[in-house]
Amino acid sequence: MLNILYFASFREVLGQAQEQMPADYNTVECLLKALAERGEAWQQALLHNQNLQIAVNHDVANRSTAIKAGDEVAFFPPVTGG
């Protein structure tokens, strides 16, 4: 299983903070495409979002990062501070 986490505005837009999914995906991009099949909100928040921030097992990642069973994949919007 993959542990998927959604942070900040994604939590509100997608209606959940976390979920588990089968480890049927080789990369983050493959996972994003599967999640996007859930509808427009998922496509806009994740798949088509050029500013999407990704972490795999607490390390900064990108869409081509490999994933496997037991991994934690986190999605969050860009963080600003000041």
Protein backbone atom coordinates (compact mmCIF):
# COMPACT_ATOMS: atom_id res chain seq x y z
CA MET A 1 0.00 0.00 0.00
CA LEU A 2 0.94 3.63 -0.53
CA ASN A 3 0.19 6.20 2.16
CA ILE A 4 -1.06 9.37 0.47
CA LEU A 5 -1.22 12.69 2.36
CA TYR A 6 -2.93 15.92 1.25
CA PHE A 7 -1.96 19.18 2.96
CA ALA A 8 -3.33 22.70 3.32
CA SER A 9 -5.82 23.74 0.63
CA PHE A 10 -5.66 20.32 -1.02
CA ARG A 11 -7.21 18.83 2.10
CA GLU A 12 -10.23 21.10 1.75
CA VAL A 13 -10.59 20.86 -2.03
CA LEU A 14 -10.23 17.07 -2.13
CA GLY A 15 -12.21 16.44 1.05
CA GLN A 16 -9.63 14.29 2.83
CA ALA A 17 -6.30 14.55 4.57
CA GLN A 18 -4.99 11.08 3.81
CA GLU A 19 -5.74 7.72 2.28
CA GLN A 20 -4.12 4.43 1.40
CA MET A 21 -3.93 3.11 -2.14
CA PRO A 22 -2.57 -0.08 -3.67
CA ALA A 23 1.06 0.18 -4.76
CA ASP A 24 0.11 -0.29 -8.42
CA TYR A 25 2.07 2.75 -9.65
CA ASN A 26 5.75 3.02 -10.58
CA THR A 27 6.10 6.80 -10.38
CA VAL A 28 4.41 9.79 -8.81
CA GLU A 29 3.15 10.76 -12.29
CA CYS A 30 1.37 7.40 -12.65
CA LEU A 31 -0.25 7.93 -9.24
CA LEU A 32 -1.32 11.47 -10.20
CA LYS A 33 -2.97 10.21 -13.38
CA ALA A 34 -4.92 7.62 -11.40
CA LEU A 35 -6.04 10.22 -8.86
CA ALA A 36 -7.06 12.60 -11.67
CA GLU A 37 -9.61 10.04 -12.85
CA ARG A 38 -11.67 11.01 -9.79
CA GLY A 39 -12.79 14.24 -11.44
CA GLU A 40 -12.15 17.88 -12.20
CA ALA A 41 -11.18 18.94 -8.67
CA TRP A 42 -8.51 16.22 -8.56
CA GLN A 43 -7.22 17.15 -12.01
CA GLN A 44 -6.91 20.83 -11.16
CA ALA A 45 -5.43 20.35 -7.69
CA LEU A 46 -2.91 17.68 -8.61
CA LEU A 47 -2.39 16.64 -12.22
CA HIS A 48 -2.58 20.04 -13.94
CA ASN A 49 -1.03 22.03 -11.09
CA GLN A 50 2.41 23.19 -12.25
CA ASN A 51 3.22 24.45 -8.73
CA LEU A 52 2.41 21.14 -7.03
CA GLN A 53 4.92 20.29 -4.31
CA ILE A 54 5.65 16.60 -3.74
CA ALA A 55 7.47 14.64 -1.06
CA VAL A 56 8.14 10.91 -0.99
CA ASN A 57 9.14 9.53 2.42
CA HIS A 58 9.78 13.09 3.66
CA ASP A 59 12.21 13.89 0.81
CA VAL A 60 11.48 16.48 -1.88
CA ALA A 61 10.37 14.64 -5.00
CA ASN A 62 9.01 15.28 -8.48
CA ARG A 63 6.61 13.63 -10.88
CA SER A 64 9.23 11.18 -12.17
CA THR A 65 10.20 9.94 -8.69
CA ALA A 66 9.84 6.17 -8.35
CA ILE A 67 7.44 4.88 -5.68
CA LYS A 68 6.88 1.46 -4.16
CA ALA A 69 4.80 -0.32 -1.54
CA GLY A 70 5.14 1.23 1.90
CA ASP A 71 6.06 4.69 0.60
CA GLU A 72 4.47 7.87 1.91
CA VAL A 73 3.58 10.35 -0.84
CA ALA A 74 2.62 13.87 0.23
CA PHE A 75 1.09 16.58 -1.94
CA PHE A 76 1.00 20.22 -0.89
CA PRO A 77 0.71 23.68 -2.43
CA PRO A 78 3.73 26.00 -2.64
CA VAL A 79 4.71 27.39 0.75
CA THR A 80 5.40 31.06 1.16
CA GLY A 81 6.69 32.87 4.16
CA GLY A 82 8.08 36.12 5.22
